[in-house]
């Protein structure tokens, strides 16, 4: 793969679909904190070279301060490198979920779609 092709593929847009698993109806939905930058995971070089694509679903435990305190892979993309790279989203900060008006630690689910254009 040429360097220009590598750069082009690594700069392609990746879709981040956030779906929140709320445990109770009175919880507000957690979302990315718009005041905090959320680094997009880099496409792993080996995955680029092998033209690997797929969607990884992860769960993140968002604490009362909006920081992720735990993470896990729920559904693999089928490629270890893509799954591992997706876990870098645990570095993002989220708005805490509110339960009865107070921040409450809550698991949220994120699906990250790895696509080569």
C-alpha atoms as a PDB file:
ATOM      1  CA  UNK A   1       0.000   0.000   0.000  1.00  0.00           C
ATOM      2  CA  UNK A   2       1.443   3.384  -0.948  1.00  0.00           C
ATOM      3  CA  UNK A   3       1.934   6.114   1.652  1.00  0.00           C
ATOM      4  CA  UNK A   4      -0.627   8.365  -0.049  1.00  0.00           C
ATOM      5  CA  UNK A   5      -3.159   5.537  -0.142  1.00  0.00           C
ATOM      6  CA  UNK A   6      -2.461   4.808   3.542  1.00  0.00           C
ATOM      7  CA  UNK A   7      -2.997   8.459   4.483  1.00  0.00           C
ATOM      8  CA  UNK A   8      -6.176   8.680   2.432  1.00  0.00           C
ATOM      9  CA  UNK A   9      -7.645   5.592   4.055  1.00  0.00           C
ATOM     10  CA  UNK A  10      -6.597   6.657   7.543  1.00  0.00           C
ATOM     11  CA  UNK A  11      -8.311  10.021   7.046  1.00  0.00           C
ATOM     12  CA  UNK A  12     -11.636   8.605   5.935  1.00  0.00           C
ATOM     13  CA  UNK A  13     -14.618   9.458   8.041  1.00  0.00           C
ATOM     14  CA  UNK A  14     -15.717   6.852  10.541  1.00  0.00           C
ATOM     15  CA  UNK A  15     -19.216   6.815  11.884  1.00  0.00           C
ATOM     16  CA  UNK A  16     -19.775   6.825  15.600  1.00  0.00           C
ATOM     17  CA  UNK A  17     -23.243   5.751  16.501  1.00  0.00           C
ATOM     18  CA  UNK A  18     -24.130   6.266  20.102  1.00  0.00           C
ATOM     19  CA  UNK A  19     -26.939   4.286  21.566  1.00  0.00           C
ATOM     20  CA  UNK A  20     -27.539   4.533  25.240  1.00  0.00           C
ATOM     21  CA  UNK A  21     -28.771   1.648  27.289  1.00  0.00           C
ATOM     22  CA  UNK A  22     -30.827   3.426  29.917  1.00  0.00           C
ATOM     23  CA  UNK A  23     -31.795   1.237  32.829  1.00  0.00           C
ATOM     24  CA  UNK A  24     -34.773   3.322  33.891  1.00  0.00           C
ATOM     25  CA  UNK A  25     -37.253   5.592  32.143  1.00  0.00           C
ATOM     26  CA  UNK A  26     -36.459   8.582  34.372  1.00  0.00           C
ATOM     27  CA  UNK A  27     -32.769   8.694  33.393  1.00  0.00           C
ATOM     28  CA  UNK A  28     -31.573  11.330  30.993  1.00  0.00           C
ATOM     29  CA  UNK A  29     -29.452   9.996  28.153  1.00  0.00           C
ATOM     30  CA  UNK A  30     -25.688  10.237  28.414  1.00  0.00           C
ATOM     31  CA  UNK A  31     -23.813  11.786  25.532  1.00  0.00           C
ATOM     32  CA  UNK A  32     -20.371  13.026  24.639  1.00  0.00           C
ATOM     33  CA  UNK A  33     -19.435  16.192  26.488  1.00  0.00           C
ATOM     34  CA  UNK A  34     -19.312  18.868  23.765  1.00  0.00           C
ATOM     35  CA  UNK A  35     -16.788  20.877  25.829  1.00  0.00           C
ATOM     36  CA  UNK A  36     -14.252  18.057  25.823  1.00  0.00           C
ATOM     37  CA  UNK A  37     -12.406  16.790  22.740  1.00  0.00           C
ATOM     38  CA  UNK A  38     -12.964  13.138  21.954  1.00  0.00           C
ATOM     39  CA  UNK A  39     -10.078  11.723  19.952  1.00  0.00           C
ATOM     40  CA  UNK A  40     -11.186   9.511  17.093  1.00  0.00           C
ATOM     41  CA  UNK A  41      -9.358   6.170  17.211  1.00  0.00           C
ATOM     42  CA  UNK A  42      -6.663   5.781  14.560  1.00  0.00           C
ATOM     43  CA  UNK A  43      -7.206   3.049  12.000  1.00  0.00           C
ATOM     44  CA  UNK A  44      -4.642   0.373  12.941  1.00  0.00           C
ATOM     45  CA  UNK A  45      -1.906   0.068  10.288  1.00  0.00           C
ATOM     46  CA  UNK A  46      -2.225  -3.721  10.107  1.00  0.00           C
ATOM     47  CA  UNK A  47      -5.988  -3.381   9.600  1.00  0.00           C
ATOM     48  CA  UNK A  48      -5.434  -0.879   6.799  1.00  0.00           C
ATOM     49  CA  UNK A  49      -2.920  -3.149   5.119  1.00  0.00           C
ATOM     50  CA  UNK A  50      -5.326  -6.103   5.355  1.00  0.00           C
ATOM     51  CA  UNK A  51      -8.327  -3.935   4.385  1.00  0.00           C
ATOM     52  CA  UNK A  52     -10.223  -4.978   7.503  1.00  0.00           C
ATOM     53  CA  UNK A  53     -13.624  -3.407   8.117  1.00  0.00           C
ATOM     54  CA  UNK A  54     -16.436  -3.976  10.564  1.00  0.00           C
ATOM     55  CA  UNK A  55     -18.397  -2.602  13.492  1.00  0.00           C
ATOM     56  CA  UNK A  56     -17.309  -2.987  17.097  1.00  0.00           C
ATOM     57  CA  UNK A  57     -19.795  -2.494  19.926  1.00  0.00           C
ATOM     58  CA  UNK A  58     -18.382  -1.567  23.307  1.00  0.00           C
ATOM     59  CA  UNK A  59     -19.893  -0.722  26.680  1.00  0.00           C
ATOM     60  CA  UNK A  60     -18.486   2.055  28.827  1.00  0.00           C
ATOM     61  CA  UNK A  61     -19.247   2.714  32.482  1.00  0.00           C
ATOM     62  CA  UNK A  62     -19.683   6.489  32.756  1.00  0.00           C
ATOM     63  CA  UNK A  63     -19.072   7.745  36.290  1.00  0.00           C
ATOM     64  CA  UNK A  64     -20.725  10.656  38.064  1.00  0.00           C
ATOM     65  CA  UNK A  65     -17.967  12.959  36.775  1.00  0.00           C
ATOM     66  CA  UNK A  66     -18.490  11.860  33.151  1.00  0.00           C
ATOM     67  CA  UNK A  67     -15.227   9.928  32.979  1.00  0.00           C
ATOM     68  CA  UNK A  68     -15.194   6.292  31.895  1.00  0.00           C
ATOM     69  CA  UNK A  69     -14.348   3.980  34.781  1.00  0.00           C
ATOM     70  CA  UNK A  70     -14.645   0.623  32.987  1.00  0.00           C
ATOM     71  CA  UNK A  71     -15.003  -0.688  29.439  1.00  0.00           C
ATOM     72  CA  UNK A  72     -15.666  -3.931  27.613  1.00  0.00           C
ATOM     73  CA  UNK A  73     -16.189  -5.253  24.087  1.00  0.00           C
ATOM     74  CA  UNK A  74     -19.759  -6.481  23.590  1.00  0.00           C
ATOM     75  CA  UNK A  75     -19.614  -7.362  19.897  1.00  0.00           C
ATOM     76  CA  UNK A  76     -16.435  -7.845  17.927  1.00  0.00           C
ATOM     77  CA  UNK A  77     -15.834  -6.475  14.454  1.00  0.00           C
ATOM     78  CA  UNK A  78     -14.161  -9.801  13.783  1.00  0.00           C
ATOM     79  CA  UNK A  79     -10.724  -8.162  13.922  1.00  0.00           C
ATOM     80  CA  UNK A  80      -8.719  -7.905  17.144  1.00  0.00           C
ATOM     81  CA  UNK A  81      -6.872  -4.724  16.126  1.00  0.00           C
ATOM     82  CA  UNK A  82     -10.099  -2.855  15.290  1.00  0.00           C
ATOM     83  CA  UNK A  83     -11.711  -3.956  18.561  1.00  0.00           C
ATOM     84  CA  UNK A  84      -8.687  -2.864  20.594  1.00  0.00           C
ATOM     85  CA  UNK A  85      -8.584   0.513  18.840  1.00  0.00           C
ATOM     86  CA  UNK A  86     -12.283   1.074  19.549  1.00  0.00           C
ATOM     87  CA  UNK A  87     -11.607   0.869  23.293  1.00  0.00           C
ATOM     88  CA  UNK A  88      -9.689   4.153  22.964  1.00  0.00           C
ATOM     89  CA  UNK A  89     -13.122   5.816  23.078  1.00  0.00           C
ATOM     90  CA  UNK A  90     -12.925   5.182  26.835  1.00  0.00           C
ATOM     91  CA  UNK A  91     -10.694   8.290  26.907  1.00  0.00           C
ATOM     92  CA  UNK A  92     -13.672  10.465  25.977  1.00  0.00           C
ATOM     93  CA  UNK A  93     -15.652  12.401  28.535  1.00  0.00           C
ATOM     94  CA  UNK A  94     -19.427  12.117  28.644  1.00  0.00           C
ATOM     95  CA  UNK A  95     -22.255  13.998  30.254  1.00  0.00           C
ATOM     96  CA  UNK A  96     -23.192  11.910  33.303  1.00  0.00           C
ATOM     97  CA  UNK A  97     -26.550  10.160  33.272  1.00  0.00           C
ATOM     98  CA  UNK A  98     -29.007  11.702  35.716  1.00  0.00           C
ATOM     99  CA  UNK A  99     -31.266   9.575  37.874  1.00  0.00           C
ATOM    100  CA  UNK A 100     -33.720  11.459  40.048  1.00  0.00           C
ATOM    101  CA  UNK A 101     -31.827  14.620  39.101  1.00  0.00           C
ATOM    102  CA  UNK A 102     -28.452  13.362  40.348  1.00  0.00           C
ATOM    103  CA  UNK A 103     -25.488  11.955  38.389  1.00  0.00           C
ATOM    104  CA  UNK A 104     -25.513   8.162  38.437  1.00  0.00           C
ATOM    105  CA  UNK A 105     -22.835   5.734  37.173  1.00  0.00           C
ATOM    106  CA  UNK A 106     -24.325   4.081  34.081  1.00  0.00           C
ATOM    107  CA  UNK A 107     -23.221   1.686  31.343  1.00  0.00           C
ATOM    108  CA  UNK A 108     -23.653   3.058  27.830  1.00  0.00           C
ATOM    109  CA  UNK A 109     -23.210   1.217  24.553  1.00  0.00           C
ATOM    110  CA  UNK A 110     -21.275   2.607  21.579  1.00  0.00           C
ATOM    111  CA  UNK A 111     -20.996   1.139  18.111  1.00  0.00           C
ATOM    112  CA  UNK A 112     -17.968   2.233  16.086  1.00  0.00           C
ATOM    113  CA  UNK A 113     -18.078   1.476  12.374  1.00  0.00           C
ATOM    114  CA  UNK A 114     -14.675   0.935  10.742  1.00  0.00           C
ATOM    115  CA  UNK A 115     -14.964   1.544   6.980  1.00  0.00           C
ATOM    116  CA  UNK A 116     -12.457   2.018   4.208  1.00  0.00           C
ATOM    117  CA  UNK A 117     -13.612   4.246   1.370  1.00  0.00           C
END
